Amino acid sequence: MKKTKQKILATALELYNEKGVGNLSIRQLAKEVGISHSNLIYHYPSQEDVILGLHELLLQKAMELNQEISKEESPLVSLFRSTQKGFAIVYDFRFLFKDLQYICSSFPRVKETIRTVEEVRSRMYRSVIELMKAKKLIRSEEREDEFKDLITLIKIYSDHWLESSSIYDDGRRDEKIRKYAYLLMSFFYPYLTDKGKEEFQFIERS
């Protein structure tokens, strides 16, 4: 049973990335997997359940990534490394981001899950910012909710960089990931202290 579910998700991921969610029905997916329609819906009753399964798989990879982050390294450098790895995961699950509006408007449970995960991601960024402040890498807020607004800008960017890159960039996967991870880090630059700007130079060189 576990192998069947894994095969369904692996096939769905490949086909959703290639064709988009709206262009692949459950019956078509079952045919591509090589199982009956009734067998597929036994494991995943609807297309929304398939997407939720893939989203859960993405989250597992993201959690594994967080465990790899060095606690000894500068939080600024560590964030850049984790952003690159995180953007690689985004690329591998790119259908979720390319079809984000369609998915959220068509599948309410997926939308609620994405909103919940975003709350966790926002708390993570707030924690990183506080750590940067403690290490004198970033200044204190000059106006109310300044860093809250920064985190919102990062959310918008993180959700849409992939689609933008598919339009404006012809580079290879790894080149895009490095470029757009660096651009995300540049959101922090205006808030960095002199010490933080010195560490930022390591990101520019890496």
N, C-alpha and C. Protein backbone atom coordinates (compact mmCIF):
# COMPACT_ATOMS: atom_id res chain seq x y z
N MET A 1 0.83 -1.21 0.00
CA MET A 1 0.00 0.00 0.00
C MET A 1 0.87 1.27 0.00
N LYS A 2 1.93 1.24 0.83
CA LYS A 2 2.81 2.41 0.93
C LYS A 2 3.48 2.69 -0.41
N LYS A 3 3.92 1.60 -1.10
CA LYS A 3 4.59 1.76 -2.38
C LYS A 3 3.63 2.33 -3.43
N THR A 4 2.37 1.91 -3.37
CA THR A 4 1.38 2.43 -4.31
C THR A 4 1.17 3.93 -4.10
N LYS A 5 1.05 4.34 -2.85
CA LYS A 5 0.86 5.76 -2.54
C LYS A 5 2.08 6.57 -2.99
N GLN A 6 3.26 6.03 -2.77
CA GLN A 6 4.48 6.72 -3.19
C GLN A 6 4.52 6.86 -4.71
N LYS A 7 4.11 5.81 -5.41
CA LYS A 7 4.10 5.85 -6.87
C LYS A 7 3.09 6.86 -7.39
N ILE A 8 1.93 6.93 -6.74
CA ILE A 8 0.91 7.90 -7.13
C ILE A 8 1.46 9.32 -6.98
N LEU A 9 2.07 9.60 -5.85
CA LEU A 9 2.58 10.94 -5.60
C LEU A 9 3.74 11.28 -6.54
N ALA A 10 4.62 10.32 -6.77
CA ALA A 10 5.77 10.57 -7.66
C ALA A 10 5.29 10.86 -9.08
N THR A 11 4.30 10.10 -9.54
CA THR A 11 3.77 10.31 -10.89
C THR A 11 3.02 11.62 -10.97
N ALA A 12 2.22 11.91 -9.94
CA ALA A 12 1.47 13.16 -9.91
C ALA A 12 2.41 14.36 -9.92
N LEU A 13 3.48 14.30 -9.15
CA LEU A 13 4.43 15.40 -9.11
C LEU A 13 5.04 15.65 -10.49
N GLU A 14 5.44 14.59 -11.14
CA GLU A 14 6.04 14.72 -12.48
C GLU A 14 5.04 15.31 -13.48
N LEU A 15 3.82 14.82 -13.45
CA LEU A 15 2.82 15.26 -14.43
C LEU A 15 2.28 16.65 -14.11
N TYR A 16 2.07 16.96 -12.83
CA TYR A 16 1.63 18.31 -12.46
C TYR A 16 2.69 19.34 -12.86
N ASN A 17 3.96 19.02 -12.63
CA ASN A 17 5.03 19.93 -13.02
C ASN A 17 5.06 20.13 -14.53
N GLU A 18 4.75 19.09 -15.26
CA GLU A 18 4.80 19.14 -16.72
C GLU A 18 3.56 19.78 -17.33
N LYS A 19 2.37 19.38 -16.84
CA LYS A 19 1.12 19.77 -17.48
C LYS A 19 0.33 20.82 -16.71
N GLY A 20 0.54 20.91 -15.39
CA GLY A 20 -0.29 21.77 -14.57
C GLY A 20 -1.43 20.98 -13.95
N VAL A 21 -1.93 21.45 -12.84
CA VAL A 21 -2.97 20.73 -12.11
C VAL A 21 -4.28 20.65 -12.89
N GLY A 22 -4.64 21.75 -13.55
CA GLY A 22 -5.93 21.80 -14.25
C GLY A 22 -6.00 20.95 -15.49
N ASN A 23 -4.86 20.43 -15.94
CA ASN A 23 -4.83 19.66 -17.18
C ASN A 23 -4.66 18.17 -16.95
N LEU A 24 -4.86 17.73 -15.71
CA LEU A 24 -4.69 16.31 -15.40
C LEU A 24 -5.80 15.87 -14.45
N SER A 25 -6.65 14.96 -14.90
CA SER A 25 -7.74 14.46 -14.07
C SER A 25 -7.26 13.27 -13.24
N ILE A 26 -8.06 12.90 -12.27
CA ILE A 26 -7.75 11.72 -11.45
C ILE A 26 -7.71 10.46 -12.32
N ARG A 27 -8.62 10.34 -13.27
CA ARG A 27 -8.64 9.17 -14.15
C ARG A 27 -7.37 9.10 -15.01
N GLN A 28 -6.94 10.26 -15.51
CA GLN A 28 -5.71 10.29 -16.29
C GLN A 28 -4.50 9.92 -15.44
N LEU A 29 -4.52 10.39 -14.21
CA LEU A 29 -3.42 10.08 -13.30
C LEU A 29 -3.36 8.58 -13.02
N ALA A 30 -4.53 7.99 -12.78
CA ALA A 30 -4.58 6.54 -12.53
C ALA A 30 -4.01 5.77 -13.72
N LYS A 31 -4.36 6.21 -14.92
CA LYS A 31 -3.86 5.54 -16.13
C LYS A 31 -2.35 5.64 -16.21
N GLU A 32 -1.80 6.81 -15.90
CA GLU A 32 -0.35 7.02 -15.96
C GLU A 32 0.38 6.21 -14.88
N VAL A 33 -0.26 6.07 -13.73
CA VAL A 33 0.34 5.27 -12.65
C VAL A 33 0.30 3.78 -12.99
N GLY A 34 -0.73 3.41 -13.77
CA GLY A 34 -0.89 2.01 -14.13
C GLY A 34 -1.77 1.24 -13.17
N ILE A 35 -2.73 1.96 -12.56
CA ILE A 35 -3.67 1.33 -11.64
C ILE A 35 -5.08 1.75 -12.05
N SER A 36 -6.07 1.09 -11.47
CA SER A 36 -7.46 1.45 -11.79
C SER A 36 -7.85 2.75 -11.08
N HIS A 37 -8.89 3.37 -11.63
CA HIS A 37 -9.41 4.59 -11.02
C HIS A 37 -9.86 4.32 -9.58
N SER A 38 -10.54 3.19 -9.36
CA SER A 38 -11.04 2.85 -8.02
C SER A 38 -9.89 2.62 -7.05
N ASN A 39 -8.78 2.06 -7.54
CA ASN A 39 -7.62 1.84 -6.68
C ASN A 39 -7.00 3.17 -6.28
N LEU A 40 -6.93 4.09 -7.22
CA LEU A 40 -6.35 5.39 -6.89
C LEU A 40 -7.18 6.14 -5.86
N ILE A 41 -8.50 6.18 -6.07
CA ILE A 41 -9.33 6.95 -5.13
C ILE A 41 -9.46 6.24 -3.78
N TYR A 42 -9.08 4.97 -3.71
CA TYR A 42 -9.00 4.31 -2.41
C TYR A 42 -7.90 4.97 -1.57
N HIS A 43 -6.81 5.31 -2.22
CA HIS A 43 -5.68 5.95 -1.53
C HIS A 43 -5.86 7.46 -1.42
N TYR A 44 -6.33 8.06 -2.51
CA TYR A 44 -6.53 9.51 -2.55
C TYR A 44 -7.89 9.78 -3.19
N PRO A 45 -8.93 10.01 -2.37
CA PRO A 45 -10.31 10.13 -2.88
C PRO A 45 -10.54 11.24 -3.89
N SER A 46 -9.69 12.26 -3.89
CA SER A 46 -9.91 13.38 -4.81
C SER A 46 -8.57 13.98 -5.22
N GLN A 47 -8.63 14.84 -6.22
CA GLN A 47 -7.41 15.53 -6.64
C GLN A 47 -6.86 16.39 -5.51
N GLU A 48 -7.74 16.95 -4.72
CA GLU A 48 -7.29 17.75 -3.58
C GLU A 48 -6.47 16.91 -2.61
N ASP A 49 -6.87 15.66 -2.40
CA ASP A 49 -6.12 14.78 -1.51
C ASP A 49 -4.74 14.47 -2.08
N VAL A 50 -4.64 14.34 -3.39
CA VAL A 50 -3.33 14.13 -4.02
C VAL A 50 -2.44 15.34 -3.78
N ILE A 51 -2.98 16.54 -3.98
CA ILE A 51 -2.21 17.76 -3.79
C ILE A 51 -1.80 17.92 -2.33
N LEU A 52 -2.70 17.59 -1.42
CA LEU A 52 -2.35 17.64 0.01
C LEU A 52 -1.23 16.66 0.32
N GLY A 53 -1.27 15.48 -0.31
CA GLY A 53 -0.21 14.51 -0.11
C GLY A 53 1.13 15.03 -0.59
N LEU A 54 1.14 15.70 -1.73
CA LEU A 54 2.37 16.28 -2.25
C LEU A 54 2.85 17.45 -1.39
N HIS A 55 1.90 18.24 -0.90
CA HIS A 55 2.28 19.35 -0.03
C HIS A 55 2.90 18.83 1.26
N GLU A 56 2.37 17.75 1.79
CA GLU A 56 2.93 17.13 2.98
C GLU A 56 4.35 16.63 2.70
N LEU A 57 4.56 16.10 1.52
CA LEU A 57 5.90 15.64 1.13
C LEU A 57 6.87 16.81 1.06
N LEU A 58 6.42 17.93 0.52
CA LEU A 58 7.23 19.14 0.49
C LEU A 58 7.60 19.59 1.90
N LEU A 59 6.62 19.56 2.80
CA LEU A 59 6.87 19.98 4.18
C LEU A 59 7.89 19.07 4.86
N GLN A 60 7.82 17.79 4.60
CA GLN A 60 8.79 16.86 5.18
C GLN A 60 10.20 17.22 4.75
N LYS A 61 10.36 17.55 3.47
CA LYS A 61 11.68 17.94 2.96
C LYS A 61 12.13 19.25 3.59
N ALA A 62 11.20 20.18 3.79
CA ALA A 62 11.53 21.46 4.42
C ALA A 62 11.95 21.26 5.87
N MET A 63 11.28 20.36 6.58
CA MET A 63 11.63 20.08 7.98
C MET A 63 13.02 19.44 8.07
N GLU A 64 13.32 18.54 7.14
CA GLU A 64 14.65 17.94 7.10
C GLU A 64 15.71 19.01 6.85
N LEU A 65 15.38 19.98 6.01
CA LEU A 65 16.29 21.07 5.71
C LEU A 65 16.58 21.88 6.97
N ASN A 66 15.56 22.19 7.74
CA ASN A 66 15.76 22.98 8.96
C ASN A 66 16.67 22.28 9.95
N GLN A 67 16.62 20.96 9.97
CA GLN A 67 17.47 20.21 10.88
C GLN A 67 18.94 20.24 10.45
N GLU A 68 19.17 20.51 9.16
CA GLU A 68 20.54 20.55 8.64
C GLU A 68 21.22 21.88 8.91
N ILE A 69 20.46 22.91 9.23
CA ILE A 69 21.02 24.25 9.37
C ILE A 69 21.99 24.29 10.55
N SER A 70 23.18 24.82 10.32
CA SER A 70 24.20 24.88 11.36
C SER A 70 23.81 25.90 12.42
N LYS A 71 23.96 25.50 13.68
CA LYS A 71 23.67 26.41 14.79
C LYS A 71 24.88 27.29 15.11
N GLU A 72 26.05 26.89 14.60
CA GLU A 72 27.27 27.62 14.89
C GLU A 72 27.51 28.74 13.88
N GLU A 73 26.96 28.59 12.71
CA GLU A 73 27.20 29.54 11.62
C GLU A 73 26.45 30.84 11.87
N SER A 74 26.91 31.92 11.25
CA SER A 74 26.20 33.19 11.31
C SER A 74 24.77 33.01 10.84
N PRO A 75 23.78 33.59 11.53
CA PRO A 75 22.38 33.43 11.10
C PRO A 75 22.13 34.00 9.71
N LEU A 76 22.92 35.01 9.31
CA LEU A 76 22.76 35.59 7.99
C LEU A 76 23.22 34.61 6.91
N VAL A 77 24.40 34.03 7.11
CA VAL A 77 24.93 33.06 6.15
C VAL A 77 24.08 31.80 6.15
N SER A 78 23.68 31.37 7.35
CA SER A 78 22.86 30.16 7.46
C SER A 78 21.52 30.34 6.74
N LEU A 79 20.94 31.53 6.85
CA LEU A 79 19.67 31.80 6.17
C LEU A 79 19.86 31.73 4.65
N PHE A 80 20.97 32.24 4.15
CA PHE A 80 21.22 32.18 2.72
C PHE A 80 21.35 30.73 2.25
N ARG A 81 22.09 29.92 3.00
CA ARG A 81 22.26 28.51 2.63
C ARG A 81 20.90 27.79 2.65
N SER A 82 20.12 28.03 3.69
CA SER A 82 18.82 27.35 3.79
C SER A 82 17.86 27.86 2.72
N THR A 83 17.97 29.13 2.34
CA THR A 83 17.12 29.68 1.28
C THR A 83 17.44 29.01 -0.05
N GLN A 84 18.71 28.81 -0.34
CA GLN A 84 19.08 28.12 -1.58
C GLN A 84 18.51 26.70 -1.60
N LYS A 85 18.65 25.99 -0.50
CA LYS A 85 18.13 24.63 -0.43
C LYS A 85 16.60 24.63 -0.49
N GLY A 86 16.00 25.61 0.17
CA GLY A 86 14.55 25.71 0.15
C GLY A 86 14.02 26.02 -1.24
N PHE A 87 14.72 26.89 -1.98
CA PHE A 87 14.30 27.22 -3.33
C PHE A 87 14.47 26.02 -4.26
N ALA A 88 15.44 25.15 -3.97
CA ALA A 88 15.58 23.91 -4.75
C ALA A 88 14.37 23.02 -4.55
N ILE A 89 13.86 22.97 -3.32
CA ILE A 89 12.65 22.20 -3.04
C ILE A 89 11.46 22.82 -3.77
N VAL A 90 11.36 24.14 -3.73
CA VAL A 90 10.29 24.84 -4.44
C VAL A 90 10.34 24.49 -5.93
N TYR A 91 11.52 24.46 -6.50
CA TYR A 91 11.66 24.13 -7.93
C TYR A 91 11.17 22.71 -8.20
N ASP A 92 11.49 21.79 -7.31
CA ASP A 92 11.08 20.40 -7.52
C ASP A 92 9.57 20.22 -7.38
N PHE A 93 8.92 21.11 -6.62
CA PHE A 93 7.46 21.08 -6.45
C PHE A 93 6.84 22.31 -7.12
N ARG A 94 7.38 22.70 -8.26
CA ARG A 94 7.05 23.98 -8.86
C ARG A 94 5.59 24.14 -9.25
N PHE A 95 4.88 23.04 -9.49
CA PHE A 95 3.46 23.16 -9.88
C PHE A 95 2.67 23.88 -8.80
N LEU A 96 3.03 23.67 -7.53
CA LEU A 96 2.31 24.30 -6.42
C LEU A 96 2.39 25.81 -6.50
N PHE A 97 3.50 26.31 -7.00
CA PHE A 97 3.71 27.75 -7.04
C PHE A 97 3.29 28.35 -8.38
N LYS A 98 3.47 27.60 -9.45
CA LYS A 98 3.01 28.09 -10.75
C LYS A 98 1.49 28.14 -10.82
N ASP A 99 0.83 27.19 -10.17
CA ASP A 99 -0.64 27.13 -10.17
C ASP A 99 -1.24 27.58 -8.83
N LEU A 100 -0.50 28.39 -8.10
CA LEU A 100 -0.89 28.72 -6.72
C LEU A 100 -2.29 29.32 -6.63
N GLN A 101 -2.58 30.30 -7.47
CA GLN A 101 -3.90 30.95 -7.41
C GLN A 101 -5.01 29.96 -7.76
N TYR A 102 -4.79 29.18 -8.81
CA TYR A 102 -5.80 28.19 -9.21
C TYR A 102 -6.01 27.15 -8.11
N ILE A 103 -4.93 26.67 -7.54
CA ILE A 103 -5.01 25.64 -6.50
C ILE A 103 -5.77 26.17 -5.28
N CYS A 104 -5.44 27.38 -4.85
CA CYS A 104 -6.07 27.94 -3.65
C CYS A 104 -7.55 28.27 -3.87
N SER A 105 -7.90 28.65 -5.09
CA SER A 105 -9.31 28.96 -5.36
C SER A 105 -10.13 27.70 -5.60
N SER A 106 -9.47 26.62 -6.00
CA SER A 106 -10.20 25.38 -6.32
C SER A 106 -10.25 24.38 -5.17
N PHE A 107 -9.27 24.45 -4.28
CA PHE A 107 -9.14 23.44 -3.22
C PHE A 107 -8.99 24.12 -1.86
N PRO A 108 -10.11 24.33 -1.16
CA PRO A 108 -10.08 25.09 0.10
C PRO A 108 -9.21 24.46 1.19
N ARG A 109 -9.14 23.14 1.24
CA ARG A 109 -8.30 22.51 2.27
C ARG A 109 -6.81 22.77 2.01
N VAL A 110 -6.45 22.79 0.74
CA VAL A 110 -5.06 23.11 0.40
C VAL A 110 -4.76 24.56 0.77
N LYS A 111 -5.68 25.46 0.46
CA LYS A 111 -5.49 26.88 0.79
C LYS A 111 -5.30 27.05 2.29
N GLU A 112 -6.13 26.39 3.10
CA GLU A 112 -6.02 26.51 4.55
C GLU A 112 -4.68 25.97 5.05
N THR A 113 -4.24 24.86 4.45
CA THR A 113 -2.95 24.28 4.84
C THR A 113 -1.82 25.24 4.50
N ILE A 114 -1.85 25.83 3.32
CA ILE A 114 -0.82 26.78 2.91
C ILE A 114 -0.80 27.99 3.83
N ARG A 115 -1.96 28.48 4.22
CA ARG A 115 -2.03 29.63 5.13
C ARG A 115 -1.44 29.28 6.50
N THR A 116 -1.72 28.07 6.97
CA THR A 116 -1.18 27.64 8.26
C THR A 116 0.34 27.53 8.22
N VAL A 117 0.84 26.96 7.13
CA VAL A 117 2.29 26.82 6.97
C VAL A 117 2.95 28.19 6.89
N GLU A 118 2.29 29.14 6.25
CA GLU A 118 2.85 30.48 6.14
C GLU A 118 3.00 31.13 7.51
N GLU A 119 2.09 30.85 8.42
CA GLU A 119 2.21 31.38 9.78
C GLU A 119 3.47 30.84 10.45
N VAL A 120 3.75 29.57 10.22
CA VAL A 120 4.97 28.95 10.78
C VAL A 120 6.20 29.59 10.15
N ARG A 121 6.17 29.78 8.83
CA ARG A 121 7.30 30.38 8.14
C ARG A 121 7.55 31.80 8.63
N SER A 122 6.49 32.55 8.87
CA SER A 122 6.63 33.92 9.37
C SER A 122 7.28 33.94 10.74
N ARG A 123 6.90 33.00 11.60
CA ARG A 123 7.52 32.93 12.93
C ARG A 123 9.00 32.57 12.82
N MET A 124 9.33 31.73 11.84
CA MET A 124 10.73 31.37 11.63
C MET A 124 11.55 32.60 11.26
N TYR A 125 11.02 33.42 10.33
CA TYR A 125 11.74 34.63 9.94
C TYR A 125 11.85 35.60 11.10
N ARG A 126 10.81 35.71 11.89
CA ARG A 126 10.87 36.59 13.07
C ARG A 126 11.96 36.11 14.02
N SER A 127 12.06 34.80 14.21
CA SER A 127 13.09 34.23 15.08
C SER A 127 14.49 34.53 14.55
N VAL A 128 14.67 34.39 13.24
CA VAL A 128 15.97 34.67 12.62
C VAL A 128 16.33 36.15 12.78
N ILE A 129 15.35 37.02 12.59
CA ILE A 129 15.58 38.46 12.75
C ILE A 129 16.00 38.78 14.18
N GLU A 130 15.34 38.18 15.16
CA GLU A 130 15.69 38.42 16.55
C GLU A 130 17.10 37.92 16.85
N LEU A 131 17.48 36.80 16.24
CA LEU A 131 18.83 36.27 16.42
C LEU A 131 19.85 37.20 15.78
N MET A 132 19.53 37.74 14.61
CA MET A 132 20.42 38.71 13.97
C MET A 132 20.58 39.96 14.83
N LYS A 133 19.49 40.39 15.44
CA LYS A 133 19.56 41.57 16.31
C LYS A 133 20.45 41.29 17.51
N ALA A 134 20.32 40.09 18.09
CA ALA A 134 21.12 39.74 19.26
C ALA A 134 22.61 39.69 18.93
N LYS A 135 22.93 39.34 17.67
CA LYS A 135 24.33 39.26 17.24
C LYS A 135 24.80 40.56 16.58
N LYS A 136 23.98 41.61 16.67
CA LYS A 136 24.33 42.94 16.16
C LYS A 136 24.54 42.96 14.65
N LEU A 137 23.80 42.09 13.95
CA LEU A 137 23.90 42.05 12.49
C LEU A 137 22.84 42.91 11.83
N ILE A 138 21.79 43.20 12.56
CA ILE A 138 20.67 43.95 12.00
C ILE A 138 20.21 44.96 13.04
N ARG A 139 19.80 46.12 12.59
CA ARG A 139 19.37 47.18 13.51
C ARG A 139 18.00 46.91 14.09
N SER A 140 17.61 47.70 15.06
CA SER A 140 16.27 47.61 15.63
C SER A 140 15.27 48.30 14.70
N GLU A 141 14.00 48.02 14.89
CA GLU A 141 12.96 48.63 14.08
C GLU A 141 12.92 50.14 14.31
N GLU A 142 12.74 50.88 13.23
CA GLU A 142 12.62 52.34 13.32
C GLU A 142 11.17 52.79 13.29
N ARG A 143 10.29 51.89 12.91
CA ARG A 143 8.86 52.18 12.94
C ARG A 143 8.11 50.91 13.30
N GLU A 144 6.91 51.07 13.75
CA GLU A 144 6.11 49.93 14.18
C GLU A 144 5.85 48.98 13.01
N ASP A 145 6.00 47.69 13.28
CA ASP A 145 5.73 46.62 12.30
C ASP A 145 6.67 46.66 11.09
N GLU A 146 7.82 47.29 11.23
CA GLU A 146 8.74 47.37 10.10
C GLU A 146 9.20 45.98 9.65
N PHE A 147 9.55 45.13 10.60
CA PHE A 147 10.01 43.79 10.24
C PHE A 147 8.84 42.87 9.87
N LYS A 148 7.68 43.15 10.42
CA LYS A 148 6.49 42.41 10.00
C LYS A 148 6.22 42.66 8.52
N ASP A 149 6.38 43.91 8.08
CA ASP A 149 6.20 44.24 6.67
C ASP A 149 7.28 43.58 5.81
N LEU A 150 8.50 43.53 6.34
CA LEU A 150 9.59 42.88 5.63
C LEU A 150 9.27 41.40 5.40
N ILE A 151 8.76 40.75 6.42
CA ILE A 151 8.41 39.33 6.31
C ILE A 151 7.29 39.13 5.29
N THR A 152 6.34 40.06 5.23
CA THR A 152 5.27 39.98 4.24
C THR A 152 5.82 40.10 2.82
N LEU A 153 6.77 41.01 2.63
CA LEU A 153 7.40 41.15 1.32
C LEU A 153 8.14 39.87 0.93
N ILE A 154 8.80 39.25 1.89
CA ILE A 154 9.52 38.00 1.63
C ILE A 154 8.52 36.91 1.25
N LYS A 155 7.38 36.87 1.92
CA LYS A 155 6.34 35.88 1.59
C LYS A 155 5.89 36.04 0.14
N ILE A 156 5.59 37.27 -0.26
CA ILE A 156 5.13 37.52 -1.62
C ILE A 156 6.21 37.10 -2.62
N TYR A 157 7.44 37.47 -2.34
CA TYR A 157 8.55 37.12 -3.23
C TYR A 157 8.74 35.61 -3.31
N SER A 158 8.71 34.94 -2.15
CA SER A 158 8.94 33.50 -2.11
C SER A 158 7.88 32.73 -2.90
N ASP A 159 6.65 33.23 -2.87
CA ASP A 159 5.55 32.56 -3.57
C ASP A 159 5.63 32.73 -5.08
N HIS A 160 6.33 33.78 -5.56
CA HIS A 160 6.22 34.12 -6.99
C HIS A 160 7.55 34.21 -7.75
N TRP A 161 8.69 34.04 -7.08
CA TRP A 161 9.96 34.16 -7.79
C TRP A 161 10.08 33.14 -8.92
N LEU A 162 9.55 31.94 -8.68
CA LEU A 162 9.72 30.87 -9.65
C LEU A 162 9.02 31.20 -10.97
N GLU A 163 7.81 31.72 -10.88
CA GLU A 163 7.06 32.06 -12.09
C GLU A 163 7.77 33.19 -12.84
N SER A 164 8.28 34.16 -12.10
CA SER A 164 9.01 35.26 -12.73
C SER A 164 10.26 34.75 -13.44
N SER A 165 10.98 33.84 -12.78
CA SER A 165 12.21 33.32 -13.37
C SER A 165 11.94 32.54 -14.66
N SER A 166 10.78 31.89 -14.73
CA SER A 166 10.44 31.12 -15.94
C SER A 166 10.16 32.03 -17.13
N ILE A 167 9.85 33.29 -16.84
CA ILE A 167 9.58 34.26 -17.91
C ILE A 167 10.84 35.01 -18.33
N TYR A 168 11.62 35.43 -17.34
CA TYR A 168 12.71 36.36 -17.62
C TYR A 168 14.10 35.74 -17.64
N ASP A 169 14.24 34.50 -17.18
CA ASP A 169 15.57 33.90 -17.09
C ASP A 169 15.65 32.63 -17.91
N ASP A 170 16.74 32.52 -18.66
CA ASP A 170 16.96 31.33 -19.47
C ASP A 170 18.05 30.44 -18.88
N GLY A 171 18.52 30.78 -17.68
CA GLY A 171 19.61 30.03 -17.07
C GLY A 171 19.19 28.65 -16.61
N ARG A 172 20.18 27.89 -16.18
CA ARG A 172 19.94 26.56 -15.66
C ARG A 172 19.28 26.64 -14.28
N ARG A 173 18.73 25.50 -13.86
CA ARG A 173 18.04 25.41 -12.57
C ARG A 173 18.89 25.97 -11.44
N ASP A 174 20.12 25.51 -11.31
CA ASP A 174 20.97 25.92 -10.19
C ASP A 174 21.31 27.40 -10.25
N GLU A 175 21.47 27.93 -11.46
CA GLU A 175 21.76 29.35 -11.61
C GLU A 175 20.58 30.20 -11.14
N LYS A 176 19.39 29.76 -11.51
CA LYS A 176 18.19 30.49 -11.07
C LYS A 176 18.05 30.46 -9.56
N ILE A 177 18.25 29.29 -8.97
CA ILE A 177 18.09 29.14 -7.52
C ILE A 177 19.07 30.04 -6.78
N ARG A 178 20.32 30.06 -7.22
CA ARG A 178 21.33 30.88 -6.56
C ARG A 178 20.98 32.36 -6.72
N LYS A 179 20.60 32.76 -7.93
CA LYS A 179 20.27 34.16 -8.20
C LYS A 179 19.10 34.64 -7.35
N TYR A 180 18.03 33.86 -7.32
CA TYR A 180 16.82 34.33 -6.63
C TYR A 180 16.92 34.18 -5.11
N ALA A 181 17.76 33.26 -4.65
CA ALA A 181 18.03 33.18 -3.20
C ALA A 181 18.82 34.40 -2.76
N TYR A 182 19.78 34.81 -3.58
CA TYR A 182 20.56 36.02 -3.27
C TYR A 182 19.65 37.25 -3.27
N LEU A 183 18.76 37.34 -4.25
CA LEU A 183 17.85 38.49 -4.29
C LEU A 183 16.96 38.55 -3.06
N LEU A 184 16.53 37.38 -2.57
CA LEU A 184 15.74 37.39 -1.33
C LEU A 184 16.57 37.96 -0.19
N MET A 185 17.84 37.54 -0.10
CA MET A 185 18.69 38.04 0.98
C MET A 185 18.89 39.54 0.89
N SER A 186 18.82 40.08 -0.33
CA SER A 186 19.02 41.53 -0.49
C SER A 186 17.91 42.34 0.17
N PHE A 187 16.76 41.71 0.45
CA PHE A 187 15.70 42.39 1.18
C PHE A 187 16.20 42.84 2.56
N PHE A 188 17.15 42.09 3.11
CA PHE A 188 17.65 42.39 4.46
C PHE A 188 18.70 43.50 4.47
N TYR A 189 19.32 43.75 3.31
CA TYR A 189 20.50 44.62 3.30
C TYR A 189 20.25 46.01 3.90
N PRO A 190 19.15 46.69 3.59
CA PRO A 190 18.95 48.03 4.15
C PRO A 190 18.85 48.05 5.68
N TYR A 191 18.62 46.89 6.29
CA TYR A 191 18.45 46.83 7.74
C TYR A 191 19.72 46.38 8.46
N LEU A 192 20.75 46.01 7.70
CA LEU A 192 21.96 45.46 8.32
C LEU A 192 22.81 46.55 8.96
N THR A 193 23.49 46.17 10.03
CA THR A 193 24.50 47.03 10.64
C THR A 193 25.79 46.91 9.83
N ASP A 194 26.81 47.68 10.20
CA ASP A 194 28.09 47.56 9.51
C ASP A 194 28.63 46.14 9.64
N LYS A 195 28.46 45.54 10.80
CA LYS A 195 28.91 44.17 11.00
C LYS A 195 28.12 43.22 10.09
N GLY A 196 26.82 43.45 9.98
CA GLY A 196 25.99 42.63 9.11
C GLY A 196 26.37 42.77 7.65
N LYS A 197 26.73 43.99 7.24
CA LYS A 197 27.12 44.22 5.84
C LYS A 197 28.44 43.53 5.52
N GLU A 198 29.32 43.45 6.51
CA GLU A 198 30.58 42.72 6.30
C GLU A 198 30.29 41.23 6.05
N GLU A 199 29.36 40.68 6.83
CA GLU A 199 29.02 39.27 6.64
C GLU A 199 28.27 39.05 5.32
N PHE A 200 27.53 40.06 4.90
CA PHE A 200 26.80 39.95 3.64
C PHE A 200 27.76 39.78 2.47
N GLN A 201 28.97 40.31 2.60
CA GLN A 201 29.95 40.16 1.53
C GLN A 201 30.29 38.70 1.28
N PHE A 202 30.21 37.88 2.32
CA PHE A 202 30.45 36.44 2.15
C PHE A 202 29.39 35.83 1.25
N ILE A 203 28.14 36.29 1.40
CA ILE A 203 27.05 35.81 0.56
C ILE A 203 27.29 36.21 -0.89
N GLU A 204 27.76 37.44 -1.10
CA GLU A 204 28.01 37.92 -2.47
C GLU A 204 29.09 37.10 -3.16
N ARG A 205 30.07 36.63 -2.38
CA ARG A 205 31.20 35.89 -2.95
C ARG A 205 30.91 34.41 -3.13
N SER A 206 29.93 33.88 -2.36
CA SER A 206 29.69 32.45 -2.37
C SER A 206 28.88 32.00 -3.57
